[in-house]
C-alpha atoms as a PDB file:
ATOM      1  CA  UNK A   1     -12.423 -22.802   9.025  1.00  0.00           C
ATOM      2  CA  UNK A   2      -9.529 -23.598  11.360  1.00  0.00           C
ATOM      3  CA  UNK A   3      -6.447 -21.383  11.575  1.00  0.00           C
ATOM      4  CA  UNK A   4      -4.181 -23.702   9.566  1.00  0.00           C
ATOM      5  CA  UNK A   5      -6.702 -23.944   6.718  1.00  0.00           C
ATOM      6  CA  UNK A   6      -7.266 -20.198   6.762  1.00  0.00           C
ATOM      7  CA  UNK A   7      -3.509 -19.517   6.600  1.00  0.00           C
ATOM      8  CA  UNK A   8      -3.045 -21.875   3.672  1.00  0.00           C
ATOM      9  CA  UNK A   9      -6.045 -20.396   1.859  1.00  0.00           C
ATOM     10  CA  UNK A  10      -4.705 -16.870   2.383  1.00  0.00           C
ATOM     11  CA  UNK A  11      -1.257 -17.751   1.020  1.00  0.00           C
ATOM     12  CA  UNK A  12      -2.782 -19.472  -2.004  1.00  0.00           C
ATOM     13  CA  UNK A  13      -4.942 -16.436  -2.751  1.00  0.00           C
ATOM     14  CA  UNK A  14      -1.982 -14.063  -2.406  1.00  0.00           C
ATOM     15  CA  UNK A  15       0.005 -16.251  -4.798  1.00  0.00           C
ATOM     16  CA  UNK A  16      -2.828 -16.170  -7.347  1.00  0.00           C
ATOM     17  CA  UNK A  17      -2.886 -12.378  -7.056  1.00  0.00           C
ATOM     18  CA  UNK A  18       0.885 -12.278  -7.545  1.00  0.00           C
ATOM     19  CA  UNK A  19       0.698 -14.501 -10.617  1.00  0.00           C
ATOM     20  CA  UNK A  20      -1.736 -12.029 -12.196  1.00  0.00           C
ATOM     21  CA  UNK A  21       0.236  -9.010 -10.978  1.00  0.00           C
ATOM     22  CA  UNK A  22      -2.812  -7.905  -8.994  1.00  0.00           C
ATOM     23  CA  UNK A  23      -2.028  -5.486  -6.143  1.00  0.00           C
ATOM     24  CA  UNK A  24       1.694  -6.208  -6.448  1.00  0.00           C
ATOM     25  CA  UNK A  25       3.708  -3.317  -5.082  1.00  0.00           C
ATOM     26  CA  UNK A  26       7.286  -4.334  -5.853  1.00  0.00           C
ATOM     27  CA  UNK A  27       9.391  -6.242  -8.338  1.00  0.00           C
ATOM     28  CA  UNK A  28      12.179  -8.682  -7.517  1.00  0.00           C
ATOM     29  CA  UNK A  29      14.809  -9.045 -10.232  1.00  0.00           C
ATOM     30  CA  UNK A  30      17.097 -12.065 -10.392  1.00  0.00           C
ATOM     31  CA  UNK A  31      19.481 -11.493 -13.247  1.00  0.00           C
ATOM     32  CA  UNK A  32      17.285 -10.527 -16.188  1.00  0.00           C
ATOM     33  CA  UNK A  33      14.166 -12.220 -14.785  1.00  0.00           C
ATOM     34  CA  UNK A  34      11.611 -10.038 -12.994  1.00  0.00           C
ATOM     35  CA  UNK A  35       8.945 -11.175 -10.529  1.00  0.00           C
ATOM     36  CA  UNK A  36       6.069  -9.051  -9.294  1.00  0.00           C
ATOM     37  CA  UNK A  37       5.529  -9.450  -5.561  1.00  0.00           C
ATOM     38  CA  UNK A  38       3.730  -8.193  -2.481  1.00  0.00           C
ATOM     39  CA  UNK A  39       6.020  -6.374  -0.045  1.00  0.00           C
ATOM     40  CA  UNK A  40       3.949  -7.552   2.915  1.00  0.00           C
ATOM     41  CA  UNK A  41       4.457 -11.216   1.992  1.00  0.00           C
ATOM     42  CA  UNK A  42       8.183 -10.795   1.306  1.00  0.00           C
ATOM     43  CA  UNK A  43       8.675  -8.958   4.607  1.00  0.00           C
ATOM     44  CA  UNK A  44       6.651 -11.539   6.534  1.00  0.00           C
ATOM     45  CA  UNK A  45       8.809 -14.404   5.281  1.00  0.00           C
ATOM     46  CA  UNK A  46      12.218 -12.727   5.061  1.00  0.00           C
ATOM     47  CA  UNK A  47      14.097 -10.475   7.465  1.00  0.00           C
ATOM     48  CA  UNK A  48      16.314  -9.463   4.533  1.00  0.00           C
ATOM     49  CA  UNK A  49      13.373  -8.024   2.618  1.00  0.00           C
ATOM     50  CA  UNK A  50      11.867  -6.558   5.776  1.00  0.00           C
ATOM     51  CA  UNK A  51      15.038  -4.563   6.440  1.00  0.00           C
ATOM     52  CA  UNK A  52      15.213  -3.387   2.818  1.00  0.00           C
ATOM     53  CA  UNK A  53      11.615  -2.172   2.959  1.00  0.00           C
ATOM     54  CA  UNK A  54      12.075  -0.452   6.316  1.00  0.00           C
ATOM     55  CA  UNK A  55      15.193   1.299   5.062  1.00  0.00           C
ATOM     56  CA  UNK A  56      13.695   2.282   1.716  1.00  0.00           C
ATOM     57  CA  UNK A  57      10.493   3.577   3.255  1.00  0.00           C
ATOM     58  CA  UNK A  58      12.636   5.943   5.305  1.00  0.00           C
ATOM     59  CA  UNK A  59      14.327   7.164   2.141  1.00  0.00           C
ATOM     60  CA  UNK A  60      10.933   7.968   0.559  1.00  0.00           C
ATOM     61  CA  UNK A  61      12.230   7.139  -2.904  1.00  0.00           C
ATOM     62  CA  UNK A  62      13.496   4.157  -4.875  1.00  0.00           C
ATOM     63  CA  UNK A  63      16.974   2.917  -4.029  1.00  0.00           C
ATOM     64  CA  UNK A  64      19.344   0.263  -5.288  1.00  0.00           C
ATOM     65  CA  UNK A  65      19.476  -2.584  -2.772  1.00  0.00           C
ATOM     66  CA  UNK A  66      23.147  -3.171  -3.604  1.00  0.00           C
ATOM     67  CA  UNK A  67      24.756   0.275  -3.398  1.00  0.00           C
ATOM     68  CA  UNK A  68      21.860   2.302  -1.948  1.00  0.00           C
ATOM     69  CA  UNK A  69      22.014   4.890  -4.727  1.00  0.00           C
ATOM     70  CA  UNK A  70      18.634   6.615  -4.817  1.00  0.00           C
ATOM     71  CA  UNK A  71      16.474   7.425  -7.820  1.00  0.00           C
ATOM     72  CA  UNK A  72      13.314   9.417  -8.345  1.00  0.00           C
ATOM     73  CA  UNK A  73      12.152   7.393 -11.356  1.00  0.00           C
ATOM     74  CA  UNK A  74      11.788   3.649 -11.806  1.00  0.00           C
ATOM     75  CA  UNK A  75      13.394   3.775 -15.264  1.00  0.00           C
ATOM     76  CA  UNK A  76      16.552   5.322 -13.785  1.00  0.00           C
ATOM     77  CA  UNK A  77      16.809   2.542 -11.214  1.00  0.00           C
ATOM     78  CA  UNK A  78      16.219  -0.171 -13.815  1.00  0.00           C
ATOM     79  CA  UNK A  79      18.990   1.259 -15.987  1.00  0.00           C
ATOM     80  CA  UNK A  80      21.291   1.506 -12.971  1.00  0.00           C
ATOM     81  CA  UNK A  81      20.677  -2.141 -12.001  1.00  0.00           C
ATOM     82  CA  UNK A  82      22.462  -3.286 -15.147  1.00  0.00           C
ATOM     83  CA  UNK A  83      25.671  -1.706 -13.827  1.00  0.00           C
ATOM     84  CA  UNK A  84      25.729  -4.352 -11.082  1.00  0.00           C
ATOM     85  CA  UNK A  85      24.857  -7.276 -13.366  1.00  0.00           C
ATOM     86  CA  UNK A  86      28.415  -8.240 -14.437  1.00  0.00           C
ATOM     87  CA  UNK A  87      29.614  -8.293 -10.838  1.00  0.00           C
ATOM     88  CA  UNK A  88      26.587  -9.863  -9.177  1.00  0.00           C
ATOM     89  CA  UNK A  89      24.976 -12.075 -11.803  1.00  0.00           C
ATOM     90  CA  UNK A  90      23.178 -14.290  -9.302  1.00  0.00           C
ATOM     91  CA  UNK A  91      22.306 -11.613  -6.760  1.00  0.00           C
ATOM     92  CA  UNK A  92      18.817 -10.405  -6.066  1.00  0.00           C
ATOM     93  CA  UNK A  93      18.006  -6.781  -6.783  1.00  0.00           C
ATOM     94  CA  UNK A  94      14.918  -5.201  -5.357  1.00  0.00           C
ATOM     95  CA  UNK A  95      13.324  -1.962  -6.253  1.00  0.00           C
ATOM     96  CA  UNK A  96      10.261  -0.586  -4.663  1.00  0.00           C
ATOM     97  CA  UNK A  97       7.730   1.437  -6.517  1.00  0.00           C
ATOM     98  CA  UNK A  98       6.675   4.096  -4.043  1.00  0.00           C
ATOM     99  CA  UNK A  99       3.534   5.767  -5.272  1.00  0.00           C
ATOM    100  CA  UNK A 100       2.608   9.404  -4.733  1.00  0.00           C
ATOM    101  CA  UNK A 101       6.085  10.535  -3.730  1.00  0.00           C
ATOM    102  CA  UNK A 102       6.177  14.246  -3.076  1.00  0.00           C
ATOM    103  CA  UNK A 103       8.924  15.716  -5.272  1.00  0.00           C
ATOM    104  CA  UNK A 104       9.873  18.211  -2.556  1.00  0.00           C
ATOM    105  CA  UNK A 105      10.843  15.287  -0.310  1.00  0.00           C
ATOM    106  CA  UNK A 106      13.516  14.100  -2.727  1.00  0.00           C
ATOM    107  CA  UNK A 107      17.133  15.142  -2.245  1.00  0.00           C
END
């Protein structure tokens, strides 16, 4: 298999995984619509996402991509995201589900 075919095959397989939510490690929210995604794919294709993931991995907890407020639980972040909705209806919000976060590392 040549490199171009392999690359296309890989992207197709990752998309199939994403469609089934298999091994997805983040969610992208656009308005009230949520998409499961792979951080590695988003970071590979977008410097914007890459910088968000680098920054959030340093924080070691979930953070709002708009105001950088940090949360220890996904439900808190989801609730907080609605505060930005009236102002930024078409903006993209990203939250990262970081697994196995040590509670002592949180502020």
